[in-house]
Amino acid sequence: MAQLEDVASRAERAALMADGHLGYVMPIGGVAAYREKVSVVGVGFDIACGNAAIRTDLTLGGIPGLIDRLPTIADETQDLVSFGVGRKNRSDDAPIHHPLFESPSWEAVPRHARDGLRAKARAQLGTVGSGNHYVDVFVDERDAIWVGVHFGSRGFGHTVASGFLALSQERQWGAKVPEREVLLPLEMPLGQDYWALMTLAGDHAYAGREWVARKVVSLLGGRELDLVHNHHNFAWREQHDGQSVIVVRKGATPAFPGQRGFVGGSMGDDAVIVQGTSAAAMPTAELQRDAMYSTVHGAGRVMSRTEAAGKRNWRTGKILKPGAVSPEMMQAWVRDKGVILRGGGLDESPHAYRRLPDVLSAQKGTVEILHTLRPLIVVMAGADMFDPYKD
């Protein structure tokens, strides 16, 4: 709440979603509106992190042998898709020639860093990353199979955020500086350059998520029938109460009336497809306006990563201090849920998160649930995965 109050002191309006928790300067689950300004640290380091979900033409009971094949599909997904911080895409058909790499927005990157950043972005397009990023296979209430993914613009977005955080503090691109909020006016060159590269990072994230999700759909042998896709770390120009404002959502899903979103739970909980409530009566309509037509992006943490998993020597992997969650606790939870888990550290155990139904209940009336997705397969980066590309 102190972080939200601090952000609100510089914003026109601010709100916090029910999955809110501590972030860097701006809380995760925070929403803030500014007049012709954008907050670099508000959008955050994982620019354009978001979710994509594809409904396939498959049903769990309609494909002979599909249930028995799920462990093999989980293994193939783990082998085919690149997980981990800084990893490069290993697939022969990675989308390295996507039109985004020819965008004039690359001119906004300082010349000395441009080629290296474009090469990093190209190599990492279609990779998932680590932490709470995932590839899941779900079944909904009508027995339909879905594929869902969660990740952002990878090292490209992180480098852009770090670069402009340094430039905004009158340091050179690449310099390490404190995380503090500096608002970039969009009429100034620095603000225009950041907006262009933030938008490009959004294109990178959209392309990567759709490629990964479609890759897994092809592994399943299915066809795409529907796609629900949204960022939840981004800034948009929007109209609110008759005024044009820049709305920054950091871990919050856009939810205008009729707008759909995919919101994931933890590795051992259901996910949902939601949409903003239409033709809402008072006081729900007021709540929607107060939230700037936003909703939760997930369940929200109740334990930090260190609290959940303990402290390790990052070089050796040796446990220096145990956490609140044991491997047996995590495995028992996902086993009872019937989830086939590949990867996933103790910091991502369901114990470290709120329950998604609870946070959705707190947003009651502002969104409606269209589909409930029960996880069959969850694939994440492994807790001890070796990372050869630290940058």
Protein backbone atom coordinates (compact mmCIF):
# COMPACT_ATOMS: atom_id res chain seq x y z
CA MET A 1 0.00 0.00 0.00
CA ALA A 2 2.93 2.32 0.65
CA GLN A 3 4.19 1.66 -2.88
CA LEU A 4 0.73 2.43 -4.30
CA GLU A 5 0.49 5.66 -2.32
CA ASP A 6 3.92 6.70 -3.58
CA VAL A 7 2.95 6.04 -7.21
CA ALA A 8 -0.42 7.76 -6.73
CA SER A 9 1.34 10.93 -5.53
CA ARG A 10 2.67 11.41 -9.09
CA ALA A 11 -0.21 9.91 -11.09
CA GLU A 12 -3.61 11.26 -12.06
CA ARG A 13 -5.24 8.09 -10.73
CA ALA A 14 -4.05 4.78 -9.32
CA ALA A 15 -5.59 1.44 -8.37
CA LEU A 16 -4.51 -1.93 -7.01
CA MET A 17 -5.94 -5.27 -8.10
CA ALA A 18 -6.80 -8.10 -5.69
CA ASP A 19 -3.64 -10.07 -6.57
CA GLY A 20 -1.45 -7.11 -5.62
CA HIS A 21 1.89 -7.61 -3.89
CA LEU A 22 5.27 -5.93 -3.48
CA GLY A 23 7.11 -4.95 -6.66
CA TYR A 24 9.94 -2.66 -7.75
CA VAL A 25 8.68 0.86 -6.89
CA MET A 26 5.19 0.15 -8.29
CA PRO A 27 3.33 -2.80 -6.75
CA ILE A 28 2.54 -5.83 -8.87
CA GLY A 29 -1.17 -5.56 -9.64
CA GLY A 30 -0.88 -1.78 -9.79
CA VAL A 31 -2.53 0.49 -12.36
CA ALA A 32 -1.68 4.17 -12.79
CA ALA A 33 -2.78 6.87 -15.24
CA TYR A 34 -0.57 9.79 -16.29
CA ARG A 35 -1.01 12.85 -18.50
CA GLU A 36 1.24 12.37 -21.55
CA LYS A 37 3.93 10.65 -19.50
CA VAL A 38 5.07 7.05 -19.16
CA SER A 39 6.75 5.37 -16.21
CA VAL A 40 9.66 3.11 -17.18
CA VAL A 41 9.77 1.35 -13.83
CA GLY A 42 5.96 1.18 -13.87
CA VAL A 43 5.90 -0.87 -17.06
CA GLY A 44 8.78 -2.75 -15.49
CA PHE A 45 11.72 -4.84 -16.63
CA ASP A 46 9.63 -7.61 -18.21
CA ILE A 47 8.05 -5.35 -20.81
CA ALA A 48 4.91 -6.86 -22.36
CA CYS A 49 4.81 -9.89 -20.11
CA GLY A 50 1.44 -11.45 -20.70
CA ASN A 51 -0.66 -14.50 -21.41
CA ALA A 52 -1.91 -16.28 -24.51
CA ALA A 53 -4.39 -19.14 -24.60
CA ILE A 54 -5.46 -21.18 -27.64
CA ARG A 55 -8.59 -23.31 -27.67
CA THR A 56 -8.04 -26.33 -29.89
CA ASP A 57 -10.44 -28.60 -31.76
CA LEU A 58 -9.44 -31.47 -29.45
CA THR A 59 -11.37 -32.85 -26.50
CA LEU A 60 -9.84 -34.86 -23.69
CA GLY A 61 -12.27 -37.72 -24.09
CA GLY A 62 -12.58 -37.53 -27.84
CA ILE A 63 -9.04 -38.54 -28.82
CA PRO A 64 -8.21 -42.20 -28.14
CA GLY A 65 -5.08 -42.54 -26.05
CA LEU A 66 -4.64 -38.79 -25.43
CA ILE A 67 -4.69 -39.15 -21.63
CA ASP A 68 -1.99 -41.82 -21.81
CA ARG A 69 0.09 -39.61 -24.13
CA LEU A 70 0.13 -36.59 -21.80
CA PRO A 71 3.43 -37.48 -20.04
CA THR A 72 5.10 -37.87 -23.45
CA ILE A 73 3.66 -34.54 -24.61
CA ALA A 74 5.00 -32.91 -21.44
CA ASP A 75 8.48 -34.33 -22.17
CA GLU A 76 8.32 -33.21 -25.81
CA THR A 77 7.26 -29.70 -24.78
CA GLN A 78 10.16 -29.47 -22.36
CA ASP A 79 12.57 -30.65 -25.08
CA LEU A 80 11.14 -28.51 -27.86
CA VAL A 81 10.61 -25.18 -26.09
CA SER A 82 13.56 -23.32 -24.58
CA PHE A 83 13.09 -22.49 -20.88
CA GLY A 84 15.43 -20.51 -18.60
CA VAL A 85 16.87 -17.03 -18.18
CA GLY A 86 18.75 -15.87 -21.27
CA ARG A 87 18.19 -19.10 -23.21
CA LYS A 88 18.29 -19.10 -27.00
CA ASN A 89 15.62 -20.71 -29.14
CA ARG A 90 16.84 -24.18 -30.18
CA SER A 91 14.13 -24.87 -32.76
CA ASP A 92 14.92 -24.94 -36.48
CA ASP A 93 11.71 -23.08 -37.30
CA ALA A 94 12.10 -20.30 -34.72
CA PRO A 95 10.56 -17.04 -36.03
CA ILE A 96 13.90 -15.27 -36.48
CA HIS A 97 12.79 -13.48 -39.67
CA HIS A 98 9.74 -11.83 -38.13
CA PRO A 99 8.99 -8.36 -39.61
CA LEU A 100 9.53 -6.73 -36.21
CA PHE A 101 13.30 -7.02 -36.77
CA GLU A 102 13.04 -4.59 -39.71
CA SER A 103 11.05 -1.99 -37.75
CA PRO A 104 12.36 1.60 -37.83
CA SER A 105 11.91 1.62 -34.04
CA TRP A 106 15.33 -0.04 -33.71
CA GLU A 107 16.79 3.40 -34.50
CA ALA A 108 15.78 4.40 -30.95
CA VAL A 109 18.46 2.09 -29.54
CA PRO A 110 21.87 3.81 -29.20
CA ARG A 111 23.97 2.91 -32.23
CA HIS A 112 26.69 1.11 -30.25
CA ALA A 113 24.12 -1.25 -28.66
CA ARG A 114 21.70 -1.69 -31.57
CA ASP A 115 23.12 -4.71 -33.39
CA GLY A 116 23.78 -6.63 -30.18
CA LEU A 117 20.29 -6.02 -28.84
CA ARG A 118 18.66 -7.00 -32.13
CA ALA A 119 20.71 -10.21 -32.17
CA LYS A 120 19.65 -11.00 -28.60
CA ALA A 121 16.00 -10.33 -29.41
CA ARG A 122 16.19 -12.51 -32.51
CA ALA A 123 17.85 -15.39 -30.63
CA GLN A 124 15.36 -15.29 -27.76
CA LEU A 125 12.13 -14.89 -29.72
CA GLY A 126 9.91 -17.84 -28.81
CA THR A 127 11.74 -18.72 -25.58
CA VAL A 128 9.88 -18.84 -22.29
CA GLY A 129 12.29 -17.77 -19.56
CA SER A 130 12.24 -18.75 -15.90
CA GLY A 131 10.41 -17.88 -12.69
CA ASN A 132 6.63 -18.01 -13.02
CA HIS A 133 6.69 -18.31 -16.82
CA TYR A 134 5.13 -21.45 -18.21
CA VAL A 135 3.59 -23.53 -20.96
CA ASP A 136 0.42 -25.35 -19.88
CA VAL A 137 -2.09 -27.74 -21.40
CA PHE A 138 -5.60 -27.40 -19.97
CA VAL A 139 -9.05 -28.93 -20.27
CA ASP A 140 -12.13 -26.74 -19.83
CA GLU A 141 -15.61 -27.38 -18.48
CA ARG A 142 -16.74 -28.66 -21.90
CA ASP A 143 -13.80 -31.09 -22.23
CA ALA A 144 -12.03 -28.86 -24.77
CA ILE A 145 -8.21 -28.81 -24.76
CA TRP A 146 -6.44 -25.45 -24.45
CA VAL A 147 -2.77 -24.46 -24.56
CA GLY A 148 -1.72 -21.51 -22.42
CA VAL A 149 1.58 -19.64 -22.12
CA HIS A 150 2.94 -16.85 -19.91
CA PHE A 151 6.07 -14.80 -20.66
CA GLY A 152 7.19 -11.47 -22.09
CA SER A 153 9.81 -9.86 -24.30
CA ARG A 154 12.68 -11.67 -22.59
CA GLY A 155 16.18 -10.11 -22.54
CA PHE A 156 15.12 -7.56 -25.17
CA GLY A 157 12.57 -5.94 -22.87
CA HIS A 158 14.85 -6.13 -19.85
CA THR A 159 17.64 -4.36 -21.74
CA VAL A 160 15.28 -1.64 -22.98
CA ALA A 161 13.91 -1.03 -19.47
CA SER A 162 17.40 -0.96 -17.93
CA GLY A 163 18.70 1.31 -20.69
CA PHE A 164 15.98 3.93 -20.32
CA LEU A 165 16.10 3.75 -16.54
CA ALA A 166 19.78 4.75 -16.87
CA LEU A 167 19.15 7.44 -19.50
CA SER A 168 16.34 8.94 -17.41
CA GLN A 169 18.82 9.34 -14.54
CA GLU A 170 21.35 11.03 -16.87
CA ARG A 171 23.59 7.98 -17.06
CA GLN A 172 24.76 6.05 -20.11
CA TRP A 173 22.82 3.20 -21.69
CA GLY A 174 23.90 0.02 -19.89
CA ALA A 175 24.84 1.71 -16.62
CA LYS A 176 23.44 0.13 -13.46
CA VAL A 177 21.23 2.62 -11.61
CA PRO A 178 18.72 2.49 -8.72
CA GLU A 179 15.15 1.42 -9.49
CA ARG A 180 13.19 4.61 -9.08
CA GLU A 181 10.27 6.13 -10.91
CA VAL A 182 11.10 8.74 -13.52
CA LEU A 183 8.24 9.85 -15.76
CA LEU A 184 9.19 10.40 -19.40
CA PRO A 185 7.12 13.09 -21.19
CA LEU A 186 5.91 11.69 -24.50
CA GLU A 187 6.47 14.99 -26.31
CA MET A 188 10.20 14.72 -25.57
CA PRO A 189 12.62 12.60 -27.66
CA LEU A 190 13.51 10.29 -24.76
CA GLY A 191 9.85 9.56 -24.10
CA GLN A 192 9.15 8.99 -27.80
CA ASP A 193 12.09 6.60 -28.09
CA TYR A 194 11.00 4.62 -25.04
CA TRP A 195 7.42 4.39 -26.33
CA ALA A 196 8.64 3.13 -29.70
CA LEU A 197 10.80 0.41 -28.14
CA MET A 198 8.17 -0.53 -25.55
CA THR A 199 5.74 -1.03 -28.44
CA LEU A 200 8.33 -3.09 -30.32
CA ALA A 201 8.88 -5.23 -27.21
CA GLY A 202 5.13 -5.77 -27.20
CA ASP A 203 5.30 -7.05 -30.78
CA HIS A 204 8.16 -9.34 -29.76
CA ALA A 205 6.16 -10.79 -26.86
CA TYR A 206 3.03 -11.31 -28.96
CA ALA A 207 5.01 -13.09 -31.66
CA GLY A 208 6.87 -15.28 -29.17
CA ARG A 209 3.82 -16.34 -27.19
CA GLU A 210 1.82 -17.20 -30.29
CA TRP A 211 4.70 -19.20 -31.78
CA VAL A 212 5.16 -21.25 -28.59
CA ALA A 213 1.45 -21.86 -28.06
CA ARG A 214 0.96 -22.94 -31.68
CA LYS A 215 4.01 -25.19 -31.46
CA VAL A 216 2.43 -27.07 -28.56
CA VAL A 217 -0.93 -27.22 -30.34
CA SER A 218 0.87 -28.94 -33.22
CA LEU A 219 2.47 -31.39 -30.74
CA LEU A 220 -1.01 -32.29 -29.57
CA GLY A 221 -2.12 -32.82 -33.16
CA GLY A 222 -4.83 -30.19 -32.90
CA ARG A 223 -6.04 -27.10 -34.76
CA GLU A 224 -6.49 -23.58 -33.37
CA LEU A 225 -10.10 -22.51 -32.95
CA ASP A 226 -9.71 -19.43 -30.77
CA LEU A 227 -6.98 -17.21 -29.38
CA VAL A 228 -7.15 -15.04 -26.24
CA HIS A 229 -4.08 -12.85 -25.90
CA ASN A 230 -3.12 -9.93 -23.68
CA HIS A 231 -0.19 -8.07 -22.13
CA HIS A 232 -0.27 -7.32 -18.41
CA ASN A 233 3.00 -5.30 -18.11
CA PHE A 234 2.51 -2.45 -20.54
CA ALA A 235 1.30 1.11 -21.13
CA TRP A 236 -1.64 2.12 -23.30
CA ARG A 237 -3.15 5.42 -24.42
CA GLU A 238 -6.79 5.26 -23.31
CA GLN A 239 -9.85 7.41 -22.70
CA HIS A 240 -11.08 7.55 -19.10
CA ASP A 241 -13.85 9.87 -17.96
CA GLY A 242 -13.51 11.81 -21.19
CA GLN A 243 -9.76 12.37 -20.81
CA SER A 244 -6.87 10.92 -22.78
CA VAL A 245 -4.36 9.36 -20.39
CA ILE A 246 -1.45 6.94 -20.47
CA VAL A 247 -2.43 3.91 -18.40
CA VAL A 248 0.38 1.76 -17.02
CA ARG A 249 -0.61 -1.73 -15.90
CA LYS A 250 2.04 -3.65 -13.97
CA GLY A 251 0.71 -7.14 -13.43
CA ALA A 252 -2.86 -6.19 -14.31
CA THR A 253 -5.04 -7.38 -17.19
CA PRO A 254 -7.05 -4.93 -19.35
CA ALA A 255 -10.75 -5.71 -18.86
CA PHE A 256 -12.93 -3.25 -20.74
CA PRO A 257 -16.56 -4.38 -21.20
CA GLY A 258 -16.52 -7.42 -23.48
CA GLN A 259 -12.71 -7.61 -23.59
CA ARG A 260 -11.42 -11.11 -22.92
CA GLY A 261 -8.33 -12.09 -20.96
CA PHE A 262 -6.50 -15.22 -19.89
CA VAL A 263 -5.63 -15.28 -16.18
CA GLY A 264 -3.50 -18.11 -14.82
CA GLY A 265 -3.39 -19.56 -11.33
CA SER A 266 -0.39 -21.35 -9.86
CA MET A 267 1.05 -24.64 -11.18
CA GLY A 268 -1.51 -26.54 -9.11
CA ASP A 269 -4.65 -24.45 -9.62
CA ASP A 270 -7.18 -23.75 -12.36
CA ALA A 271 -6.85 -20.82 -14.76
CA VAL A 272 -9.71 -18.84 -16.30
CA ILE A 273 -10.78 -17.02 -19.42
CA VAL A 274 -12.57 -13.86 -18.30
CA GLN A 275 -14.13 -10.84 -19.92
CA GLY A 276 -14.96 -7.38 -18.66
CA THR A 277 -18.57 -7.14 -17.57
CA SER A 278 -20.83 -5.42 -20.11
CA ALA A 279 -23.71 -3.07 -19.33
CA ALA A 280 -22.84 -3.17 -15.65
CA ALA A 281 -25.21 -1.53 -13.19
CA MET A 282 -24.10 0.64 -10.31
CA PRO A 283 -22.05 0.12 -8.16
CA THR A 284 -20.22 -2.37 -10.42
CA ALA A 285 -19.81 0.23 -13.16
CA GLU A 286 -18.14 2.51 -10.61
CA LEU A 287 -15.76 -0.27 -9.59
CA GLN A 288 -14.84 -0.84 -13.23
CA ARG A 289 -14.09 2.86 -13.68
CA ASP A 290 -12.13 3.04 -10.43
CA ALA A 291 -10.02 0.06 -11.59
CA MET A 292 -9.54 1.79 -14.95
CA TYR A 293 -11.12 -1.30 -16.53
CA SER A 294 -8.45 -3.65 -15.23
CA THR A 295 -8.42 -6.95 -13.40
CA VAL A 296 -6.00 -9.44 -11.89
CA HIS A 297 -3.25 -11.10 -13.93
CA GLY A 298 -2.85 -14.13 -11.69
CA ALA A 299 -3.35 -15.34 -8.13
CA GLY A 300 -0.71 -13.11 -6.52
CA ARG A 301 2.13 -14.14 -4.25
CA VAL A 302 1.85 -14.56 -0.49
CA MET A 303 5.50 -15.61 -0.08
CA SER A 304 8.59 -14.13 -1.63
CA ARG A 305 10.75 -16.49 -3.65
CA THR A 306 13.27 -16.71 -0.80
CA GLU A 307 10.56 -17.32 1.80
CA ALA A 308 9.16 -20.19 -0.26
CA ALA A 309 12.31 -21.84 -1.59
CA GLY A 310 14.97 -20.73 0.88
CA LYS A 311 18.34 -19.27 0.05
CA ARG A 312 20.88 -20.99 -2.21
CA ASN A 313 24.41 -20.35 -3.35
CA TRP A 314 23.65 -19.39 -6.93
CA ARG A 315 26.96 -20.85 -8.13
CA THR A 316 26.84 -24.24 -6.42
CA GLY A 317 23.11 -24.68 -5.81
CA LYS A 318 23.82 -25.53 -2.16
CA ILE A 319 20.94 -24.67 0.19
CA LEU A 320 22.09 -22.03 2.68
CA LYS A 321 18.71 -21.58 4.37
CA PRO A 322 15.64 -23.79 3.84
CA GLY A 323 12.35 -22.20 2.85
CA ALA A 324 8.77 -22.78 3.94
CA VAL A 325 8.02 -25.17 1.05
CA SER A 326 9.57 -28.60 0.67
CA PRO A 327 9.76 -30.65 -2.55
CA GLU A 328 7.39 -33.18 -0.95
CA MET A 329 4.80 -30.45 -0.27
CA MET A 330 4.90 -29.19 -3.84
CA GLN A 331 4.79 -32.64 -5.41
CA ALA A 332 1.89 -33.71 -3.20
CA TRP A 333 -0.14 -30.66 -4.25
CA VAL A 334 0.32 -31.10 -7.99
CA ARG A 335 -0.14 -34.87 -7.71
CA ASP A 336 -3.47 -34.43 -5.90
CA LYS A 337 -4.52 -31.98 -8.61
CA GLY A 338 -3.57 -34.53 -11.30
CA VAL A 339 -1.00 -32.22 -12.91
CA ILE A 340 1.95 -33.58 -14.91
CA LEU A 341 4.74 -31.20 -13.90
CA ARG A 342 8.04 -30.69 -15.69
CA GLY A 343 10.47 -28.24 -14.12
CA GLY A 344 9.24 -25.68 -11.62
CA GLY A 345 11.06 -24.56 -8.49
CA LEU A 346 9.80 -24.43 -4.92
CA ASP A 347 9.42 -20.65 -5.30
CA GLU A 348 6.61 -21.40 -7.77
CA SER A 349 4.82 -23.95 -5.60
CA PRO A 350 1.08 -23.33 -5.14
CA HIS A 351 1.83 -22.71 -1.46
CA ALA A 352 3.52 -19.42 -2.44
CA TYR A 353 0.33 -18.04 -4.06
CA ARG A 354 -3.18 -16.98 -3.18
CA ARG A 355 -6.04 -19.03 -4.55
CA LEU A 356 -7.31 -17.63 -7.83
CA PRO A 357 -11.04 -17.99 -6.96
CA ASP A 358 -10.44 -15.76 -3.93
CA VAL A 359 -8.89 -12.92 -5.90
CA LEU A 360 -11.52 -13.21 -8.62
CA SER A 361 -14.21 -13.01 -5.94
CA ALA A 362 -12.66 -9.74 -4.76
CA GLN A 363 -13.10 -8.40 -8.31
CA LYS A 364 -16.70 -9.65 -8.38
CA GLY A 365 -18.96 -7.99 -10.89
CA THR A 366 -16.20 -6.29 -12.87
CA VAL A 367 -15.31 -9.46 -14.81
CA GLU A 368 -17.18 -12.64 -15.64
CA ILE A 369 -15.69 -16.09 -16.08
CA LEU A 370 -16.21 -17.57 -19.54
CA HIS A 371 -14.17 -20.75 -19.12
CA THR A 372 -12.44 -22.54 -16.24
CA LEU A 373 -9.27 -24.31 -17.34
CA ARG A 374 -8.00 -27.29 -15.33
CA PRO A 375 -4.26 -27.90 -15.84
CA LEU A 376 -3.21 -31.26 -17.24
CA ILE A 377 0.43 -30.39 -18.02
CA VAL A 378 2.60 -27.63 -16.56
CA VAL A 379 6.09 -27.05 -18.00
CA MET A 380 8.44 -24.46 -16.49
CA ALA A 381 12.14 -23.81 -16.18
CA GLY A 382 13.77 -26.15 -13.71
CA ALA A 383 14.94 -24.75 -10.40
CA ASP A 384 18.53 -25.86 -11.08
CA MET A 385 18.63 -25.34 -14.84
CA PHE A 386 22.07 -24.33 -16.07
CA ASP A 387 21.95 -20.98 -17.84
CA PRO A 388 24.80 -20.48 -20.34
CA TYR A 389 23.58 -17.03 -21.44
CA LYS A 390 23.50 -14.90 -18.34
CA ASP A 391 22.77 -11.72 -20.29
